[in-house]
Amino acid sequence: MSLEPHQRIFLVVVDDTEEMSVALHYAARRARNSGGRVALLYVIEPGELQQWGAIEELMKQEQREEAEQLLNRLAKDVVDIAGTMPALYIREGNRQPELFQLIQEEPSISILVLAAGTGRAGPGPLVSYIVGQMSGSLRIPVTIVPGGLSDAQLDAIT
């Protein structure tokens, strides 16, 4: 999906963490308030049954269907908040390289929005990777939102 180059595009990586919804809501509010758009990336990670070809293909198909359903649900949230339909990306592979590749391939993506985990495990593997190994390699800024913000707090800062 090609995005308009003059719009500010806020990319959110979709995963199963609690803080992802905070990043999504932050990005949608920023898009609404700046005339931008949201883009959602879901990465289907490689399976463990690679020696069982037919089973692996069935699992990939099921994972893709689940990814599409999740992205469609999240897209409705974005439309409710931002008023525009987000760009949706589904990729297969490892999350970090796929994220980096999408950012390189899609010049209209202008900001990566992540939310930091609130638990004892730290900010989360993706946040750690981005601010650690990738910090000097990205062509766009990264916004890291505290994962425990409420909707009222998000409204106040966006």
Protein backbone atom coordinates (compact mmCIF):
# COMPACT_ATOMS: atom_id res chain seq x y z
CA MET A 1 0.00 0.00 0.00
CA SER A 2 1.52 3.28 -1.06
CA LEU A 3 1.12 6.24 1.23
CA GLU A 4 1.09 9.93 0.35
CA PRO A 5 4.58 11.41 0.76
CA HIS A 6 3.39 14.74 2.18
CA GLN A 7 1.52 13.18 5.11
CA ARG A 8 3.18 12.36 8.39
CA ILE A 9 2.88 8.57 8.76
CA PHE A 10 3.03 7.06 12.25
CA LEU A 11 4.06 3.40 12.12
CA VAL A 12 2.95 1.07 14.93
CA VAL A 13 4.19 -2.51 15.25
CA VAL A 14 1.29 -4.76 16.20
CA ASP A 15 2.00 -7.50 18.72
CA ASP A 16 0.30 -9.16 21.68
CA THR A 17 1.69 -6.88 24.39
CA GLU A 18 -0.55 -4.75 26.58
CA GLU A 19 1.41 -1.61 25.81
CA MET A 20 0.85 -1.93 22.04
CA SER A 21 -2.63 -0.42 22.43
CA VAL A 22 -1.05 2.64 24.09
CA ALA A 23 1.27 3.08 21.10
CA LEU A 24 -1.69 2.63 18.74
CA HIS A 25 -3.85 5.19 20.53
CA TYR A 26 -0.95 7.66 20.75
CA ALA A 27 -0.23 7.32 17.02
CA ALA A 28 -3.92 7.70 16.11
CA ARG A 29 -4.25 10.86 18.21
CA ARG A 30 -1.05 12.33 16.74
CA ALA A 31 -2.28 11.51 13.24
CA ARG A 32 -5.64 13.16 13.94
CA ASN A 33 -4.03 16.28 15.38
CA SER A 34 -1.39 16.66 12.67
CA GLY A 35 -3.33 15.63 9.57
CA GLY A 36 -1.28 12.46 9.30
CA ARG A 37 -2.06 8.78 9.02
CA VAL A 38 -1.29 5.61 10.90
CA ALA A 39 0.37 2.53 9.44
CA LEU A 40 0.16 -0.85 11.19
CA LEU A 41 2.74 -3.60 10.76
CA TYR A 42 2.10 -7.18 11.82
CA VAL A 43 4.94 -9.66 11.41
CA ILE A 44 4.20 -13.38 11.26
CA GLU A 45 7.21 -14.99 12.92
CA PRO A 46 8.67 -18.22 11.45
CA GLY A 47 7.11 -21.44 12.68
CA GLU A 48 8.80 -24.29 14.47
CA LEU A 49 7.43 -27.05 12.22
CA GLN A 50 9.41 -26.26 9.12
CA GLN A 51 10.12 -29.94 8.36
CA TRP A 52 6.37 -30.61 8.04
CA GLY A 53 5.60 -28.70 4.82
CA ALA A 54 1.84 -29.20 4.58
CA ILE A 55 1.27 -28.51 8.27
CA GLU A 56 3.48 -25.43 8.11
CA GLU A 57 1.52 -24.05 5.13
CA LEU A 58 -1.77 -24.57 6.96
CA MET A 59 -0.36 -22.86 10.06
CA LYS A 60 0.89 -19.93 7.96
CA GLN A 61 -2.53 -19.56 6.37
CA GLU A 62 -4.21 -19.57 9.80
CA GLN A 63 -1.68 -17.06 11.15
CA ARG A 64 -2.28 -14.77 8.18
CA GLU A 65 -6.05 -14.93 8.67
CA GLU A 66 -5.62 -14.14 12.38
CA ALA A 67 -3.29 -11.25 11.50
CA GLU A 68 -5.81 -9.85 9.02
CA GLN A 69 -8.63 -10.08 11.57
CA LEU A 70 -6.54 -8.37 14.25
CA LEU A 71 -5.44 -5.60 11.89
CA ASN A 72 -9.02 -5.01 10.78
CA ARG A 73 -10.15 -4.68 14.42
CA LEU A 74 -7.31 -2.29 15.19
CA ALA A 75 -8.00 -0.34 12.00
CA LYS A 76 -11.52 0.36 13.29
CA ASP A 77 -9.99 1.82 16.47
CA VAL A 78 -7.72 4.02 14.37
CA VAL A 79 -10.63 5.22 12.22
CA ASP A 80 -12.65 6.02 15.36
CA ILE A 81 -9.81 8.13 16.77
CA ALA A 82 -8.01 9.55 13.72
CA GLY A 83 -10.82 9.57 11.18
CA THR A 84 -8.72 7.86 8.51
CA MET A 85 -8.09 4.27 7.54
CA PRO A 86 -4.55 3.15 8.39
CA ALA A 87 -2.18 1.50 5.97
CA LEU A 88 -1.91 -2.20 6.82
CA TYR A 89 1.21 -4.31 6.37
CA ILE A 90 1.62 -8.03 6.99
CA ARG A 91 5.07 -9.51 6.65
CA GLU A 92 6.56 -12.94 7.31
CA GLY A 93 9.91 -13.29 9.01
CA ASN A 94 11.64 -12.00 12.11
CA ARG A 95 10.11 -8.85 13.55
CA GLN A 96 13.19 -6.62 13.80
CA PRO A 97 14.57 -7.14 10.27
CA GLU A 98 11.08 -6.92 8.74
CA LEU A 99 10.43 -3.64 10.57
CA PHE A 100 13.74 -2.20 9.42
CA GLN A 101 13.10 -3.35 5.84
CA LEU A 102 9.62 -1.78 5.74
CA ILE A 103 10.99 1.53 6.98
CA GLN A 104 13.65 1.43 4.25
CA GLU A 105 11.17 0.45 1.51
CA GLU A 106 8.38 2.88 2.38
CA PRO A 107 9.74 6.45 2.25
CA SER A 108 6.45 7.97 3.42
CA ILE A 109 6.77 6.41 6.90
CA SER A 110 8.01 9.28 9.01
CA ILE A 111 7.82 8.21 12.67
CA LEU A 112 7.99 4.85 14.46
CA VAL A 113 5.79 4.76 17.56
CA LEU A 114 6.49 2.17 20.24
CA ALA A 115 5.28 1.84 23.82
CA ALA A 116 7.63 0.72 26.56
CA GLY A 117 6.62 -2.23 28.71
CA THR A 118 5.67 -1.47 32.29
CA GLY A 119 6.70 -4.75 33.90
CA ARG A 120 9.92 -5.85 35.53
CA ALA A 121 11.14 -7.33 32.26
CA GLY A 122 12.03 -3.85 31.03
CA PRO A 123 10.86 -1.87 28.04
CA GLY A 124 10.43 -4.92 25.82
CA PRO A 125 12.60 -6.61 23.20
CA LEU A 126 11.59 -4.36 20.31
CA VAL A 127 12.18 -1.12 22.22
CA SER A 128 15.52 -2.46 23.47
CA TYR A 129 16.52 -3.45 19.93
CA ILE A 130 15.53 -0.10 18.41
CA VAL A 131 17.23 2.11 21.00
CA GLY A 132 20.21 -0.22 21.23
CA GLN A 133 21.38 -1.89 18.05
CA MET A 134 19.34 0.15 15.57
CA SER A 135 19.52 3.63 17.10
CA GLY A 136 21.98 4.98 14.55
CA SER A 137 20.60 3.06 11.56
CA LEU A 138 17.04 4.30 11.25
CA ARG A 139 16.21 7.13 8.87
CA ILE A 140 13.22 8.23 10.95
CA PRO A 141 12.68 9.35 14.55
CA VAL A 142 11.31 6.94 17.12
CA THR A 143 8.72 7.93 19.70
CA ILE A 144 8.64 5.71 22.77
CA VAL A 145 5.50 6.19 24.81
CA PRO A 146 5.25 4.99 28.42
CA GLY A 147 3.11 1.86 28.25
CA GLY A 148 0.99 2.72 31.27
CA LEU A 149 -0.56 5.97 30.00
CA SER A 150 -4.32 6.38 30.19
CA ASP A 151 -6.47 7.79 27.38
CA ALA A 152 -6.72 11.08 29.29
CA GLN A 153 -2.93 11.26 29.56
CA LEU A 154 -2.59 10.46 25.85
CA ASP A 155 -5.05 13.24 25.02
CA ALA A 156 -3.00 15.68 27.11
CA ILE A 157 0.29 14.94 25.34
CA THR A 158 -0.94 14.64 21.78
